[in-house]
Amino acid sequence: MHLYIANKVYSSWSMRPWIAMRMLDIAFDETVIPFNDPAFKSKVAALSPAGQVPFLIDGDILVWDSLSILEYLADKFPEKQLWPKDKVARAHARSISAEMHTRYRDLRQACPMNLGRRYATRDRGAGVARDVARFSALVREARGRWGEASGERFLYGAFGAADAMYAPLVSRLDTYGITVDEITRAYAEAVLSTSAFIAWRDAALDEPWLYYGDEVDERATAELRPGITCWVGPETN
């Protein structure tokens, strides 16, 4: 299988299937097509008519969209248990994974994924606060009903598709210094400490490309990529 993705620093959608496959020990090759490659659109369109990353090629099978790739992997590797065994938990996991597509717009726009920088804690508006509150409510529900009883640190027990879907959101909490409750913070730390996330982040920080389409209009408190400079300093009004 071959997974095509964009920059690991920025591409939240690419992270989702990649981190799931690494966590569940599913072998694959990967190709990174940087967003700032002048031929980005033509390179992607030549392989996937949808014209977007990520997409997965498995022999003569083409699968695109993060969630569809995870569903394909769940079918291909049922023993990996990407979805919970319990049918109620499985329905809940699929619902919140699909919700990732349809909600969190304010959080995405105000806090684009950027693993190469850190920003100071600040009020980012009512919309972001609502999105964070919704995410925290889902974490508390999943952990309270299924995760805690399993003895594992993830939403439904072992790491699965729903955790992969929310991994980029979790990274935003860290990047933008967003305060959450203790249960949500513990879950975020569990995701951020996985070997797969660490491998993704380390590779992201080694990338040479800058893509200014995902910049935010504020000072960064730290630039984490060697040799790349940014406007770093204390927040001012």
C-alpha atoms as a PDB file:
ATOM      1  CA  MET A   1       0.000   0.000   0.000  1.00  0.00           C
ATOM      2  CA  HIS A   2       1.132   3.524  -0.763  1.00  0.00           C
ATOM      3  CA  LEU A   3      -0.096   6.595   1.139  1.00  0.00           C
ATOM      4  CA  TYR A   4       0.204  10.022  -0.452  1.00  0.00           C
ATOM      5  CA  ILE A   5       0.269  12.973   1.931  1.00  0.00           C
ATOM      6  CA  ALA A   6       1.219  16.653   2.140  1.00  0.00           C
ATOM      7  CA  ASN A   7       3.557  18.469   4.530  1.00  0.00           C
ATOM      8  CA  LYS A   8       3.618  16.830   7.943  1.00  0.00           C
ATOM      9  CA  VAL A   9       3.959  20.219   9.615  1.00  0.00           C
ATOM     10  CA  TYR A  10       0.615  21.415   8.272  1.00  0.00           C
ATOM     11  CA  SER A  11      -1.516  18.603   6.836  1.00  0.00           C
ATOM     12  CA  SER A  12      -4.005  17.534   9.492  1.00  0.00           C
ATOM     13  CA  TRP A  13      -5.960  15.322   7.099  1.00  0.00           C
ATOM     14  CA  SER A  14      -2.786  13.490   6.071  1.00  0.00           C
ATOM     15  CA  MET A  15      -1.859  12.793   9.685  1.00  0.00           C
ATOM     16  CA  ARG A  16      -5.004  10.774  10.391  1.00  0.00           C
ATOM     17  CA  PRO A  17      -4.458   7.619   8.288  1.00  0.00           C
ATOM     18  CA  TRP A  18      -0.678   7.828   8.697  1.00  0.00           C
ATOM     19  CA  ILE A  19      -0.769   7.789  12.486  1.00  0.00           C
ATOM     20  CA  ALA A  20      -3.368   5.007  12.521  1.00  0.00           C
ATOM     21  CA  MET A  21      -1.293   2.794  10.242  1.00  0.00           C
ATOM     22  CA  ARG A  22       1.859   3.396  12.280  1.00  0.00           C
ATOM     23  CA  MET A  23       0.121   2.772  15.606  1.00  0.00           C
ATOM     24  CA  LEU A  24      -1.475  -0.448  14.356  1.00  0.00           C
ATOM     25  CA  ASP A  25       1.677  -1.699  12.599  1.00  0.00           C
ATOM     26  CA  ILE A  26       0.193  -1.684   9.093  1.00  0.00           C
ATOM     27  CA  ALA A  27       2.988  -1.608   6.520  1.00  0.00           C
ATOM     28  CA  PHE A  28       2.908   1.090   3.846  1.00  0.00           C
ATOM     29  CA  ASP A  29       5.085   3.311   1.692  1.00  0.00           C
ATOM     30  CA  GLU A  30       4.562   7.064   1.636  1.00  0.00           C
ATOM     31  CA  THR A  31       5.106  10.006  -0.665  1.00  0.00           C
ATOM     32  CA  VAL A  32       4.994  13.614   0.521  1.00  0.00           C
ATOM     33  CA  ILE A  33       3.797  16.170  -2.039  1.00  0.00           C
ATOM     34  CA  PRO A  34       4.423  19.601  -0.474  1.00  0.00           C
ATOM     35  CA  PHE A  35       1.658  22.195  -0.614  1.00  0.00           C
ATOM     36  CA  ASN A  36       4.061  24.778  -2.028  1.00  0.00           C
ATOM     37  CA  ASP A  37       5.173  22.533  -4.889  1.00  0.00           C
ATOM     38  CA  PRO A  38       4.135  24.463  -8.050  1.00  0.00           C
ATOM     39  CA  ALA A  39       3.003  21.136  -9.531  1.00  0.00           C
ATOM     40  CA  PHE A  40       1.062  20.061  -6.420  1.00  0.00           C
ATOM     41  CA  LYS A  41      -2.342  20.059  -8.100  1.00  0.00           C
ATOM     42  CA  SER A  42      -1.213  18.290 -11.232  1.00  0.00           C
ATOM     43  CA  LYS A  43       0.780  15.643  -9.332  1.00  0.00           C
ATOM     44  CA  VAL A  44      -2.166  14.831  -7.079  1.00  0.00           C
ATOM     45  CA  ALA A  45      -4.749  14.919  -9.875  1.00  0.00           C
ATOM     46  CA  ALA A  46      -2.638  12.528 -11.967  1.00  0.00           C
ATOM     47  CA  LEU A  47      -3.115   9.856  -9.301  1.00  0.00           C
ATOM     48  CA  SER A  48      -6.384  10.796  -7.613  1.00  0.00           C
ATOM     49  CA  PRO A  49      -9.194  12.542  -9.531  1.00  0.00           C
ATOM     50  CA  ALA A  50     -10.452  14.019  -6.248  1.00  0.00           C
ATOM     51  CA  GLY A  51      -7.398  16.257  -6.375  1.00  0.00           C
ATOM     52  CA  GLN A  52      -6.704  16.207  -2.644  1.00  0.00           C
ATOM     53  CA  VAL A  53      -4.485  14.441  -0.132  1.00  0.00           C
ATOM     54  CA  PRO A  54      -4.379  12.084   1.576  1.00  0.00           C
ATOM     55  CA  PHE A  55      -5.143   9.164  -0.676  1.00  0.00           C
ATOM     56  CA  LEU A  56      -4.172   5.510  -0.514  1.00  0.00           C
ATOM     57  CA  ILE A  57      -3.315   3.230  -3.421  1.00  0.00           C
ATOM     58  CA  ASP A  58      -3.506  -0.491  -2.755  1.00  0.00           C
ATOM     59  CA  GLY A  59      -2.846  -2.332  -5.987  1.00  0.00           C
ATOM     60  CA  ASP A  60      -5.649  -1.278  -8.322  1.00  0.00           C
ATOM     61  CA  ILE A  61      -7.705   0.219  -5.482  1.00  0.00           C
ATOM     62  CA  LEU A  62      -7.744   3.979  -4.880  1.00  0.00           C
ATOM     63  CA  VAL A  63      -9.149   5.343  -1.603  1.00  0.00           C
ATOM     64  CA  TRP A  64      -9.294   9.043  -0.759  1.00  0.00           C
ATOM     65  CA  ASP A  65     -10.381  11.084   2.253  1.00  0.00           C
ATOM     66  CA  SER A  66      -9.041  10.349   5.729  1.00  0.00           C
ATOM     67  CA  LEU A  67     -12.159   8.704   7.087  1.00  0.00           C
ATOM     68  CA  SER A  68     -12.684   6.555   3.991  1.00  0.00           C
ATOM     69  CA  ILE A  69      -9.089   5.352   4.223  1.00  0.00           C
ATOM     70  CA  LEU A  70      -9.629   4.361   7.852  1.00  0.00           C
ATOM     71  CA  GLU A  71     -12.813   2.482   6.927  1.00  0.00           C
ATOM     72  CA  TYR A  72     -10.957   0.707   4.130  1.00  0.00           C
ATOM     73  CA  LEU A  73      -8.206  -0.308   6.535  1.00  0.00           C
ATOM     74  CA  ALA A  74     -10.787  -1.553   9.036  1.00  0.00           C
ATOM     75  CA  ASP A  75     -12.244  -3.808   6.326  1.00  0.00           C
ATOM     76  CA  LYS A  76      -8.848  -5.001   5.099  1.00  0.00           C
ATOM     77  CA  PHE A  77      -7.408  -5.636   8.556  1.00  0.00           C
ATOM     78  CA  PRO A  78     -10.296  -6.611  10.867  1.00  0.00           C
ATOM     79  CA  GLU A  79      -7.838  -8.071  13.347  1.00  0.00           C
ATOM     80  CA  LYS A  80      -6.420  -4.568  13.949  1.00  0.00           C
ATOM     81  CA  GLN A  81      -9.746  -3.437  15.455  1.00  0.00           C
ATOM     82  CA  LEU A  82      -9.741   0.144  14.240  1.00  0.00           C
ATOM     83  CA  TRP A  83     -13.304   0.396  15.577  1.00  0.00           C
ATOM     84  CA  PRO A  84     -14.445  -0.829  19.024  1.00  0.00           C
ATOM     85  CA  LYS A  85     -15.904  -4.339  19.278  1.00  0.00           C
ATOM     86  CA  ASP A  86     -18.883  -3.205  21.326  1.00  0.00           C
ATOM     87  CA  LYS A  87     -21.616  -2.102  18.914  1.00  0.00           C
ATOM     88  CA  VAL A  88     -22.672   0.880  21.015  1.00  0.00           C
ATOM     89  CA  ALA A  89     -19.098   2.099  21.337  1.00  0.00           C
ATOM     90  CA  ARG A  90     -18.525   1.423  17.639  1.00  0.00           C
ATOM     91  CA  ALA A  91     -21.550   3.525  16.665  1.00  0.00           C
ATOM     92  CA  HIS A  92     -20.345   6.305  18.954  1.00  0.00           C
ATOM     93  CA  ALA A  93     -16.805   6.152  17.547  1.00  0.00           C
ATOM     94  CA  ARG A  94     -18.037   6.303  13.955  1.00  0.00           C
ATOM     95  CA  SER A  95     -20.344   9.207  14.771  1.00  0.00           C
ATOM     96  CA  ILE A  96     -17.691  11.354  16.400  1.00  0.00           C
ATOM     97  CA  SER A  97     -15.255  10.530  13.594  1.00  0.00           C
ATOM     98  CA  ALA A  98     -17.748  11.729  11.002  1.00  0.00           C
ATOM     99  CA  GLU A  99     -18.415  14.787  13.176  1.00  0.00           C
ATOM    100  CA  MET A 100     -14.777  15.720  12.733  1.00  0.00           C
ATOM    101  CA  HIS A 101     -15.661  16.503   9.116  1.00  0.00           C
ATOM    102  CA  THR A 102     -18.632  18.706   9.912  1.00  0.00           C
ATOM    103  CA  ARG A 103     -17.697  20.633  13.077  1.00  0.00           C
ATOM    104  CA  TYR A 104     -14.741  22.517  14.564  1.00  0.00           C
ATOM    105  CA  ARG A 105     -14.658  25.080  11.757  1.00  0.00           C
ATOM    106  CA  ASP A 106     -13.821  27.971  14.079  1.00  0.00           C
ATOM    107  CA  LEU A 107     -10.995  26.048  15.723  1.00  0.00           C
ATOM    108  CA  ARG A 108      -9.572  25.053  12.350  1.00  0.00           C
ATOM    109  CA  GLN A 109      -9.662  28.587  10.998  1.00  0.00           C
ATOM    110  CA  ALA A 110      -8.281  30.324  14.081  1.00  0.00           C
ATOM    111  CA  CYS A 111      -5.746  27.620  14.920  1.00  0.00           C
ATOM    112  CA  PRO A 112      -4.461  25.923  11.750  1.00  0.00           C
ATOM    113  CA  MET A 113      -2.230  22.937  12.364  1.00  0.00           C
ATOM    114  CA  ASN A 114       1.411  23.977  12.557  1.00  0.00           C
ATOM    115  CA  LEU A 115       3.676  21.580  14.409  1.00  0.00           C
ATOM    116  CA  GLY A 116       6.652  23.859  13.849  1.00  0.00           C
ATOM    117  CA  ARG A 117       5.529  26.660  16.150  1.00  0.00           C
ATOM    118  CA  ARG A 118       4.160  27.440  19.579  1.00  0.00           C
ATOM    119  CA  TYR A 119       1.810  30.284  20.445  1.00  0.00           C
ATOM    120  CA  ALA A 120       0.867  31.885  23.732  1.00  0.00           C
ATOM    121  CA  THR A 121      -2.396  31.115  25.498  1.00  0.00           C
ATOM    122  CA  ARG A 122      -5.029  33.738  24.651  1.00  0.00           C
ATOM    123  CA  ASP A 123      -8.761  34.206  24.113  1.00  0.00           C
ATOM    124  CA  ARG A 124      -9.382  32.989  20.584  1.00  0.00           C
ATOM    125  CA  GLY A 125     -13.075  33.777  20.484  1.00  0.00           C
ATOM    126  CA  ALA A 126     -16.423  32.232  21.320  1.00  0.00           C
ATOM    127  CA  GLY A 127     -16.400  29.923  18.319  1.00  0.00           C
ATOM    128  CA  VAL A 128     -13.108  28.327  19.292  1.00  0.00           C
ATOM    129  CA  ALA A 129     -14.301  28.013  22.896  1.00  0.00           C
ATOM    130  CA  ARG A 130     -17.443  26.194  21.699  1.00  0.00           C
ATOM    131  CA  ASP A 131     -15.428  23.815  19.546  1.00  0.00           C
ATOM    132  CA  VAL A 132     -13.038  23.017  22.390  1.00  0.00           C
ATOM    133  CA  ALA A 133     -15.965  22.500  24.789  1.00  0.00           C
ATOM    134  CA  ARG A 134     -17.612  20.098  22.342  1.00  0.00           C
ATOM    135  CA  PHE A 135     -14.399  18.118  21.928  1.00  0.00           C
ATOM    136  CA  SER A 136     -13.892  17.940  25.687  1.00  0.00           C
ATOM    137  CA  ALA A 137     -17.457  16.707  26.168  1.00  0.00           C
ATOM    138  CA  LEU A 138     -16.851  13.894  23.667  1.00  0.00           C
ATOM    139  CA  VAL A 139     -13.610  12.922  25.381  1.00  0.00           C
ATOM    140  CA  ARG A 140     -15.252  12.815  28.806  1.00  0.00           C
ATOM    141  CA  GLU A 141     -18.144  10.742  27.479  1.00  0.00           C
ATOM    142  CA  ALA A 142     -16.004   8.217  25.602  1.00  0.00           C
ATOM    143  CA  ARG A 143     -13.478   7.904  28.392  1.00  0.00           C
ATOM    144  CA  GLY A 144     -16.187   7.652  31.048  1.00  0.00           C
ATOM    145  CA  ARG A 145     -18.262   5.027  29.247  1.00  0.00           C
ATOM    146  CA  TRP A 146     -15.549   2.890  27.669  1.00  0.00           C
ATOM    147  CA  GLY A 147     -11.966   4.109  27.855  1.00  0.00           C
ATOM    148  CA  GLU A 148     -11.325   4.215  31.585  1.00  0.00           C
ATOM    149  CA  ALA A 149     -12.746   0.745  32.231  1.00  0.00           C
ATOM    150  CA  SER A 150     -10.382  -0.725  29.631  1.00  0.00           C
ATOM    151  CA  GLY A 151      -7.282   0.379  31.497  1.00  0.00           C
ATOM    152  CA  GLU A 152      -6.030   2.037  28.291  1.00  0.00           C
ATOM    153  CA  ARG A 153      -5.470   5.777  27.764  1.00  0.00           C
ATOM    154  CA  PHE A 154      -7.455   6.336  24.571  1.00  0.00           C
ATOM    155  CA  LEU A 155     -11.106   7.099  23.822  1.00  0.00           C
ATOM    156  CA  TYR A 156     -12.468   3.553  23.679  1.00  0.00           C
ATOM    157  CA  GLY A 157      -9.519   1.615  25.050  1.00  0.00           C
ATOM    158  CA  ALA A 158      -6.708   0.806  22.624  1.00  0.00           C
ATOM    159  CA  PHE A 159      -5.773   3.380  19.975  1.00  0.00           C
ATOM    160  CA  GLY A 160      -8.243   3.293  17.082  1.00  0.00           C
ATOM    161  CA  ALA A 161      -9.715   5.183  14.167  1.00  0.00           C
ATOM    162  CA  ALA A 162     -11.479   7.792  16.319  1.00  0.00           C
ATOM    163  CA  ASP A 163      -8.217   8.639  18.066  1.00  0.00           C
ATOM    164  CA  ALA A 164      -6.548   9.060  14.686  1.00  0.00           C
ATOM    165  CA  MET A 165      -9.335  11.366  13.513  1.00  0.00           C
ATOM    166  CA  TYR A 166      -8.864  13.651  16.510  1.00  0.00           C
ATOM    167  CA  ALA A 167      -5.052  13.569  16.696  1.00  0.00           C
ATOM    168  CA  PRO A 168      -4.628  16.811  14.688  1.00  0.00           C
ATOM    169  CA  LEU A 169      -7.135  18.596  16.932  1.00  0.00           C
ATOM    170  CA  VAL A 170      -5.186  17.387  19.947  1.00  0.00           C
ATOM    171  CA  SER A 171      -2.013  18.827  18.422  1.00  0.00           C
ATOM    172  CA  ARG A 172      -3.697  22.229  18.193  1.00  0.00           C
ATOM    173  CA  LEU A 173      -4.340  22.239  21.928  1.00  0.00           C
ATOM    174  CA  ASP A 174      -0.592  21.929  22.423  1.00  0.00           C
ATOM    175  CA  THR A 175       0.470  24.372  19.696  1.00  0.00           C
ATOM    176  CA  TYR A 176      -1.885  27.154  20.802  1.00  0.00           C
ATOM    177  CA  GLY A 177      -1.712  26.615  24.560  1.00  0.00           C
ATOM    178  CA  ILE A 178      -5.439  25.912  24.843  1.00  0.00           C
ATOM    179  CA  THR A 179      -6.590  25.153  28.377  1.00  0.00           C
ATOM    180  CA  VAL A 180      -8.820  22.103  28.859  1.00  0.00           C
ATOM    181  CA  ASP A 181     -10.109  20.051  31.777  1.00  0.00           C
ATOM    182  CA  GLU A 182      -8.008  17.373  33.443  1.00  0.00           C
ATOM    183  CA  ILE A 183      -9.606  14.419  31.614  1.00  0.00           C
ATOM    184  CA  THR A 184      -9.166  16.050  28.207  1.00  0.00           C
ATOM    185  CA  ARG A 185      -5.594  17.051  29.018  1.00  0.00           C
ATOM    186  CA  ALA A 186      -4.718  13.491  30.069  1.00  0.00           C
ATOM    187  CA  TYR A 187      -6.178  12.171  26.824  1.00  0.00           C
ATOM    188  CA  ALA A 188      -4.282  14.772  24.790  1.00  0.00           C
ATOM    189  CA  GLU A 189      -1.045  13.802  26.498  1.00  0.00           C
ATOM    190  CA  ALA A 190      -1.725  10.137  25.715  1.00  0.00           C
ATOM    191  CA  VAL A 191      -2.031  10.914  21.995  1.00  0.00           C
ATOM    192  CA  LEU A 192       0.942  13.271  21.928  1.00  0.00           C
ATOM    193  CA  SER A 193       3.153  10.682  23.628  1.00  0.00           C
ATOM    194  CA  THR A 194       2.439   7.844  21.187  1.00  0.00           C
ATOM    195  CA  SER A 195       5.370   6.598  19.140  1.00  0.00           C
ATOM    196  CA  ALA A 196       3.446   7.329  15.950  1.00  0.00           C
ATOM    197  CA  PHE A 197       2.727  10.963  16.793  1.00  0.00           C
ATOM    198  CA  ILE A 198       6.330  11.508  17.893  1.00  0.00           C
ATOM    199  CA  ALA A 199       7.595  10.000  14.620  1.00  0.00           C
ATOM    200  CA  TRP A 200       5.242  12.219  12.604  1.00  0.00           C
ATOM    201  CA  ARG A 201       6.268  15.338  14.551  1.00  0.00           C
ATOM    202  CA  ASP A 202       9.991  14.584  14.273  1.00  0.00           C
ATOM    203  CA  ALA A 203       9.673  14.163  10.515  1.00  0.00           C
ATOM    204  CA  ALA A 204       7.600  17.354  10.335  1.00  0.00           C
ATOM    205  CA  LEU A 205      10.285  19.359  12.104  1.00  0.00           C
ATOM    206  CA  ASP A 206      12.869  18.130   9.591  1.00  0.00           C
ATOM    207  CA  GLU A 207      10.849  19.379   6.598  1.00  0.00           C
ATOM    208  CA  PRO A 208      12.467  22.275   4.693  1.00  0.00           C
ATOM    209  CA  TRP A 209       9.264  23.714   3.245  1.00  0.00           C
ATOM    210  CA  LEU A 210       7.317  26.755   4.460  1.00  0.00           C
ATOM    211  CA  TYR A 211       3.692  27.220   3.486  1.00  0.00           C
ATOM    212  CA  TYR A 212       2.278  30.597   4.386  1.00  0.00           C
ATOM    213  CA  GLY A 213      -1.320  29.679   3.655  1.00  0.00           C
ATOM    214  CA  ASP A 214      -1.609  28.317   7.198  1.00  0.00           C
ATOM    215  CA  GLU A 215       0.024  31.201   9.064  1.00  0.00           C
ATOM    216  CA  VAL A 216      -1.800  32.983  11.884  1.00  0.00           C
ATOM    217  CA  ASP A 217      -1.586  36.715  12.463  1.00  0.00           C
ATOM    218  CA  GLU A 218       0.180  36.710  15.820  1.00  0.00           C
ATOM    219  CA  ARG A 219       3.622  36.350  17.296  1.00  0.00           C
ATOM    220  CA  ALA A 220       4.914  32.844  17.840  1.00  0.00           C
ATOM    221  CA  THR A 221       6.608  32.140  21.128  1.00  0.00           C
ATOM    222  CA  ALA A 222       8.883  29.519  19.572  1.00  0.00           C
ATOM    223  CA  GLU A 223       9.995  28.208  16.181  1.00  0.00           C
ATOM    224  CA  LEU A 224      10.825  24.519  16.464  1.00  0.00           C
ATOM    225  CA  ARG A 225      12.372  23.895  13.050  1.00  0.00           C
ATOM    226  CA  PRO A 226      16.158  24.340  12.844  1.00  0.00           C
ATOM    227  CA  GLY A 227      17.242  27.013  10.391  1.00  0.00           C
ATOM    228  CA  ILE A 228      13.767  28.503   9.963  1.00  0.00           C
ATOM    229  CA  THR A 229      13.076  31.896  11.480  1.00  0.00           C
ATOM    230  CA  CYS A 230       9.767  33.473  12.380  1.00  0.00           C
ATOM    231  CA  TRP A 231       8.392  36.457  14.210  1.00  0.00           C
ATOM    232  CA  VAL A 232       9.074  35.291  17.747  1.00  0.00           C
ATOM    233  CA  GLY A 233       8.400  37.434  20.783  1.00  0.00           C
ATOM    234  CA  PRO A 234       5.965  38.359  23.515  1.00  0.00           C
ATOM    235  CA  GLU A 235       2.345  38.928  22.566  1.00  0.00           C
ATOM    236  CA  THR A 236       1.439  42.606  22.231  1.00  0.00           C
ATOM    237  CA  ASN A 237      -1.886  44.321  21.615  1.00  0.00           C
END
